[in-house]
C-alpha atoms as a PDB file:
ATOM      1  CA  UNK A   1    -153.790 -98.460 -42.765  1.00  0.00           C
ATOM      2  CA  UNK A   2    -152.983 -95.886 -40.290  1.00  0.00           C
ATOM      3  CA  UNK A   3    -153.031 -92.256 -41.373  1.00  0.00           C
ATOM      4  CA  UNK A   4    -150.002 -90.179 -40.602  1.00  0.00           C
ATOM      5  CA  UNK A   5    -150.437 -87.123 -38.522  1.00  0.00           C
ATOM      6  CA  UNK A   6    -148.055 -84.090 -38.307  1.00  0.00           C
ATOM      7  CA  UNK A   7    -147.851 -84.240 -34.709  1.00  0.00           C
ATOM      8  CA  UNK A   8    -148.145 -86.636 -32.021  1.00  0.00           C
ATOM      9  CA  UNK A   9    -149.878 -84.183 -29.566  1.00  0.00           C
ATOM     10  CA  UNK A  10    -153.377 -85.173 -28.507  1.00  0.00           C
ATOM     11  CA  UNK A  11    -155.656 -82.426 -28.249  1.00  0.00           C
ATOM     12  CA  UNK A  12    -157.856 -82.272 -25.003  1.00  0.00           C
ATOM     13  CA  UNK A  13    -161.547 -81.550 -25.669  1.00  0.00           C
ATOM     14  CA  UNK A  14    -162.590 -78.583 -23.431  1.00  0.00           C
ATOM     15  CA  UNK A  15    -165.191 -79.614 -20.846  1.00  0.00           C
ATOM     16  CA  UNK A  16    -168.637 -77.720 -20.666  1.00  0.00           C
ATOM     17  CA  UNK A  17    -167.934 -74.202 -19.311  1.00  0.00           C
ATOM     18  CA  UNK A  18    -164.614 -73.893 -20.627  1.00  0.00           C
ATOM     19  CA  UNK A  19    -165.202 -70.160 -21.792  1.00  0.00           C
ATOM     20  CA  UNK A  20    -166.140 -69.334 -18.255  1.00  0.00           C
ATOM     21  CA  UNK A  21    -163.125 -70.958 -16.988  1.00  0.00           C
ATOM     22  CA  UNK A  22    -160.963 -69.181 -19.256  1.00  0.00           C
ATOM     23  CA  UNK A  23    -162.718 -65.842 -18.701  1.00  0.00           C
ATOM     24  CA  UNK A  24    -162.258 -66.337 -14.724  1.00  0.00           C
ATOM     25  CA  UNK A  25    -158.590 -67.240 -15.101  1.00  0.00           C
ATOM     26  CA  UNK A  26    -157.919 -64.132 -17.598  1.00  0.00           C
ATOM     27  CA  UNK A  27    -159.949 -61.811 -15.562  1.00  0.00           C
ATOM     28  CA  UNK A  28    -162.208 -60.891 -18.430  1.00  0.00           C
ATOM     29  CA  UNK A  29    -165.715 -61.388 -19.586  1.00  0.00           C
ATOM     30  CA  UNK A  30    -166.869 -64.480 -21.635  1.00  0.00           C
ATOM     31  CA  UNK A  31    -167.492 -62.227 -24.617  1.00  0.00           C
ATOM     32  CA  UNK A  32    -163.810 -61.239 -24.590  1.00  0.00           C
ATOM     33  CA  UNK A  33    -162.970 -64.964 -24.745  1.00  0.00           C
ATOM     34  CA  UNK A  34    -165.284 -65.651 -27.641  1.00  0.00           C
ATOM     35  CA  UNK A  35    -163.942 -62.455 -29.391  1.00  0.00           C
ATOM     36  CA  UNK A  36    -160.382 -63.508 -29.014  1.00  0.00           C
ATOM     37  CA  UNK A  37    -160.619 -67.029 -29.987  1.00  0.00           C
ATOM     38  CA  UNK A  38    -163.403 -67.153 -32.399  1.00  0.00           C
ATOM     39  CA  UNK A  39    -162.750 -63.932 -34.245  1.00  0.00           C
ATOM     40  CA  UNK A  40    -159.016 -63.219 -33.543  1.00  0.00           C
ATOM     41  CA  UNK A  41    -159.452 -59.846 -32.016  1.00  0.00           C
ATOM     42  CA  UNK A  42    -156.320 -58.139 -30.528  1.00  0.00           C
ATOM     43  CA  UNK A  43    -155.109 -56.465 -27.367  1.00  0.00           C
ATOM     44  CA  UNK A  44    -153.741 -57.316 -23.981  1.00  0.00           C
ATOM     45  CA  UNK A  45    -156.689 -59.244 -22.529  1.00  0.00           C
ATOM     46  CA  UNK A  46    -157.059 -61.260 -25.985  1.00  0.00           C
ATOM     47  CA  UNK A  47    -153.261 -62.285 -25.880  1.00  0.00           C
ATOM     48  CA  UNK A  48    -153.878 -63.468 -22.180  1.00  0.00           C
ATOM     49  CA  UNK A  49    -156.969 -65.475 -23.220  1.00  0.00           C
ATOM     50  CA  UNK A  50    -155.208 -67.218 -26.116  1.00  0.00           C
ATOM     51  CA  UNK A  51    -151.966 -67.782 -23.864  1.00  0.00           C
ATOM     52  CA  UNK A  52    -154.233 -69.453 -21.293  1.00  0.00           C
ATOM     53  CA  UNK A  53    -156.238 -71.372 -23.878  1.00  0.00           C
ATOM     54  CA  UNK A  54    -153.046 -72.694 -25.304  1.00  0.00           C
ATOM     55  CA  UNK A  55    -151.572 -73.682 -21.950  1.00  0.00           C
ATOM     56  CA  UNK A  56    -154.783 -75.556 -20.846  1.00  0.00           C
ATOM     57  CA  UNK A  57    -156.056 -77.206 -23.900  1.00  0.00           C
ATOM     58  CA  UNK A  58    -153.398 -77.467 -26.627  1.00  0.00           C
END
């Protein structure tokens, strides 16, 4: 018996060091990446971080 999923999209598990990689691509610090993705902070840099994360891993 298979469970139905809402999407067929497979999630890519980030490799070790993904926070540093996103920070380097976005031109910000690792703390900005953590705040944007874990705590949902706003701003230009946080929006850039979320966009890059979605493009790369979702």
